[in-house]
């Protein structure tokens, strides 16, 4: 899900950057360093947010989890 959001976000940022570049003076709307850095930070946050729940879920026995409900 984060990969899909990252790709959609980069596409929208490029489109809006070009639009704003044509409207504002001396604005660069396609800085690749900013795009890569923001994508890397968001990927690290998504990994960190999902690591603990995945670790806890992997330690539960599947049969026990099915019997719980």
N, C-alpha and C. Protein backbone atom coordinates (compact mmCIF):
# COMPACT_ATOMS: atom_id res chain seq x y z
N UNK A 1 0.81 -1.18 0.00
CA UNK A 1 0.00 0.00 0.00
C UNK A 1 0.87 1.26 0.00
N UNK A 2 1.95 1.20 0.73
CA UNK A 2 2.82 2.38 0.76
C UNK A 2 3.54 2.58 -0.58
N UNK A 3 3.82 1.50 -1.29
CA UNK A 3 4.45 1.63 -2.60
C UNK A 3 3.49 2.28 -3.60
N UNK A 4 2.22 1.87 -3.55
CA UNK A 4 1.22 2.47 -4.44
C UNK A 4 1.05 3.95 -4.11
N UNK A 5 0.98 4.26 -2.82
CA UNK A 5 0.87 5.65 -2.40
C UNK A 5 2.08 6.47 -2.78
N UNK A 6 3.27 5.85 -2.69
CA UNK A 6 4.49 6.56 -3.07
C UNK A 6 4.54 6.88 -4.55
N UNK A 7 4.14 5.92 -5.36
CA UNK A 7 4.13 6.15 -6.82
C UNK A 7 3.09 7.20 -7.18
N UNK A 8 1.91 7.11 -6.59
CA UNK A 8 0.87 8.11 -6.87
C UNK A 8 1.29 9.49 -6.39
N UNK A 9 1.93 9.54 -5.23
CA UNK A 9 2.38 10.82 -4.70
C UNK A 9 3.46 11.46 -5.55
N UNK A 10 4.39 10.66 -6.02
CA UNK A 10 5.45 11.19 -6.89
C UNK A 10 4.85 11.71 -8.21
N UNK A 11 3.90 10.96 -8.77
CA UNK A 11 3.28 11.40 -10.02
C UNK A 11 2.53 12.72 -9.82
N UNK A 12 1.77 12.81 -8.74
CA UNK A 12 1.05 14.06 -8.48
C UNK A 12 2.00 15.22 -8.17
N UNK A 13 3.07 14.94 -7.45
CA UNK A 13 4.03 15.99 -7.14
C UNK A 13 4.72 16.49 -8.41
N UNK A 14 5.03 15.61 -9.32
CA UNK A 14 5.64 16.04 -10.58
C UNK A 14 4.67 16.90 -11.39
N UNK A 15 3.40 16.46 -11.45
CA UNK A 15 2.41 17.22 -12.21
C UNK A 15 2.17 18.59 -11.59
N UNK A 16 2.00 18.64 -10.29
CA UNK A 16 1.77 19.92 -9.64
C UNK A 16 3.02 20.80 -9.64
N UNK A 17 4.18 20.17 -9.59
CA UNK A 17 5.43 20.93 -9.66
C UNK A 17 5.59 21.63 -10.98
N UNK A 18 5.22 20.96 -12.05
CA UNK A 18 5.32 21.59 -13.37
C UNK A 18 4.29 22.71 -13.53
N UNK A 19 3.11 22.50 -12.95
CA UNK A 19 2.09 23.55 -13.00
C UNK A 19 2.55 24.78 -12.22
N UNK A 20 3.06 24.57 -11.03
CA UNK A 20 3.52 25.70 -10.23
C UNK A 20 4.77 26.34 -10.81
N UNK A 21 5.58 25.56 -11.49
CA UNK A 21 6.79 26.10 -12.11
C UNK A 21 6.42 27.09 -13.21
N UNK A 22 5.32 26.82 -13.89
CA UNK A 22 4.90 27.74 -14.95
C UNK A 22 4.25 29.00 -14.37
N UNK A 23 3.76 28.92 -13.14
CA UNK A 23 3.08 30.06 -12.54
C UNK A 23 4.00 30.93 -11.69
N UNK A 24 4.98 30.34 -11.04
CA UNK A 24 5.83 31.08 -10.12
C UNK A 24 7.23 31.26 -10.70
N UNK A 25 7.83 32.37 -10.39
CA UNK A 25 9.14 32.72 -10.91
C UNK A 25 10.24 32.00 -10.12
N UNK A 26 11.18 31.40 -10.81
CA UNK A 26 12.36 30.73 -10.24
C UNK A 26 12.02 29.60 -9.28
N UNK A 27 11.01 28.83 -9.61
CA UNK A 27 10.65 27.66 -8.81
C UNK A 27 10.98 26.42 -9.61
N UNK A 28 11.71 25.51 -8.99
CA UNK A 28 12.01 24.24 -9.64
C UNK A 28 11.05 23.19 -9.10
N UNK A 29 10.25 22.63 -9.96
CA UNK A 29 9.23 21.68 -9.53
C UNK A 29 9.60 20.23 -9.70
N UNK A 30 10.82 19.95 -10.14
CA UNK A 30 11.21 18.57 -10.36
C UNK A 30 12.60 18.29 -9.79
N UNK A 31 12.73 18.46 -8.49
CA UNK A 31 14.00 18.21 -7.82
C UNK A 31 14.09 16.72 -7.46
N UNK A 32 14.93 15.94 -8.14
CA UNK A 32 14.96 14.49 -7.89
C UNK A 32 15.48 14.13 -6.49
N UNK A 33 16.36 14.94 -5.94
CA UNK A 33 16.88 14.66 -4.60
C UNK A 33 15.76 14.75 -3.57
N UNK A 34 14.91 15.75 -3.69
CA UNK A 34 13.79 15.92 -2.76
C UNK A 34 12.81 14.77 -2.88
N UNK A 35 12.54 14.33 -4.11
CA UNK A 35 11.61 13.22 -4.31
C UNK A 35 12.16 11.92 -3.73
N UNK A 36 13.41 11.63 -3.99
CA UNK A 36 14.00 10.39 -3.49
C UNK A 36 14.11 10.41 -1.97
N UNK A 37 14.51 11.53 -1.42
CA UNK A 37 14.63 11.65 0.03
C UNK A 37 13.27 11.52 0.72
N UNK A 38 12.26 12.17 0.20
CA UNK A 38 10.94 12.07 0.82
C UNK A 38 10.37 10.67 0.68
N UNK A 39 10.61 10.01 -0.44
CA UNK A 39 10.14 8.64 -0.61
C UNK A 39 10.87 7.69 0.34
N UNK A 40 12.16 7.90 0.55
CA UNK A 40 12.92 7.06 1.47
C UNK A 40 12.46 7.25 2.92
N UNK A 41 12.19 8.49 3.30
CA UNK A 41 11.71 8.75 4.66
C UNK A 41 10.34 8.12 4.88
N UNK A 42 9.45 8.26 3.92
CA UNK A 42 8.12 7.67 4.07
C UNK A 42 8.17 6.15 4.08
N UNK A 43 9.07 5.56 3.31
CA UNK A 43 9.22 4.10 3.34
C UNK A 43 9.77 3.63 4.68
N UNK A 44 10.70 4.37 5.25
CA UNK A 44 11.23 4.01 6.57
C UNK A 44 10.17 4.13 7.65
N UNK A 45 9.34 5.15 7.58
CA UNK A 45 8.26 5.31 8.56
C UNK A 45 7.23 4.19 8.42
N UNK A 46 6.89 3.83 7.20
CA UNK A 46 5.94 2.74 6.99
C UNK A 46 6.50 1.42 7.50
N UNK A 47 7.78 1.18 7.27
CA UNK A 47 8.41 -0.04 7.78
C UNK A 47 8.43 -0.06 9.30
N UNK A 48 8.79 1.06 9.90
CA UNK A 48 8.85 1.13 11.36
C UNK A 48 7.47 0.97 11.99
N UNK A 49 6.45 1.52 11.35
CA UNK A 49 5.10 1.43 11.90
C UNK A 49 4.53 0.03 11.79
N UNK A 50 4.95 -0.74 10.82
CA UNK A 50 4.39 -2.08 10.65
C UNK A 50 5.27 -3.18 11.22
N UNK A 51 6.47 -2.87 11.65
CA UNK A 51 7.39 -3.91 12.10
C UNK A 51 6.91 -4.59 13.38
N UNK A 52 6.54 -3.81 14.38
CA UNK A 52 6.13 -4.39 15.66
C UNK A 52 4.84 -5.21 15.53
N UNK A 53 3.79 -4.74 14.88
CA UNK A 53 2.60 -5.58 14.72
C UNK A 53 2.85 -6.87 13.94
N UNK A 54 3.69 -6.79 12.94
CA UNK A 54 4.01 -8.00 12.17
C UNK A 54 4.78 -8.99 13.02
N UNK A 55 5.70 -8.49 13.81
CA UNK A 55 6.48 -9.36 14.70
C UNK A 55 5.59 -10.04 15.72
N UNK A 56 4.65 -9.30 16.30
CA UNK A 56 3.74 -9.88 17.29
C UNK A 56 2.80 -10.89 16.64
N UNK A 57 2.32 -10.61 15.44
CA UNK A 57 1.41 -11.52 14.76
C UNK A 57 2.11 -12.79 14.31
N UNK A 58 3.39 -12.71 14.02
CA UNK A 58 4.10 -13.90 13.57
C UNK A 58 4.39 -14.87 14.71
N UNK A 59 4.30 -14.40 15.94
CA UNK A 59 4.56 -15.27 17.08
C UNK A 59 3.33 -16.04 17.56
N UNK A 60 2.15 -15.72 17.04
CA UNK A 60 0.91 -16.37 17.45
C UNK A 60 0.71 -17.64 16.62
N UNK A 61 0.33 -18.71 17.29
CA UNK A 61 0.04 -19.96 16.61
C UNK A 61 -1.24 -19.79 15.78
N UNK A 62 -1.25 -20.14 14.49
CA UNK A 62 -2.43 -19.94 13.66
C UNK A 62 -3.67 -20.69 14.16
N UNK A 63 -3.49 -21.91 14.67
CA UNK A 63 -4.62 -22.68 15.17
C UNK A 63 -5.21 -21.98 16.39
N UNK A 64 -4.37 -21.47 17.25
CA UNK A 64 -4.86 -20.77 18.44
C UNK A 64 -5.60 -19.49 18.06
N UNK A 65 -5.13 -18.80 17.04
CA UNK A 65 -5.79 -17.58 16.60
C UNK A 65 -7.15 -17.88 15.99
N UNK A 66 -7.26 -18.99 15.27
CA UNK A 66 -8.54 -19.36 14.68
C UNK A 66 -9.54 -19.82 15.73
N UNK A 67 -9.08 -20.47 16.76
CA UNK A 67 -9.96 -20.93 17.83
C UNK A 67 -10.42 -19.78 18.72
N UNK A 68 -9.67 -18.71 18.76
CA UNK A 68 -10.01 -17.57 19.59
C UNK A 68 -11.33 -16.94 19.17
N UNK A 69 -11.57 -16.89 17.89
CA UNK A 69 -12.80 -16.29 17.40
C UNK A 69 -13.82 -17.36 17.30
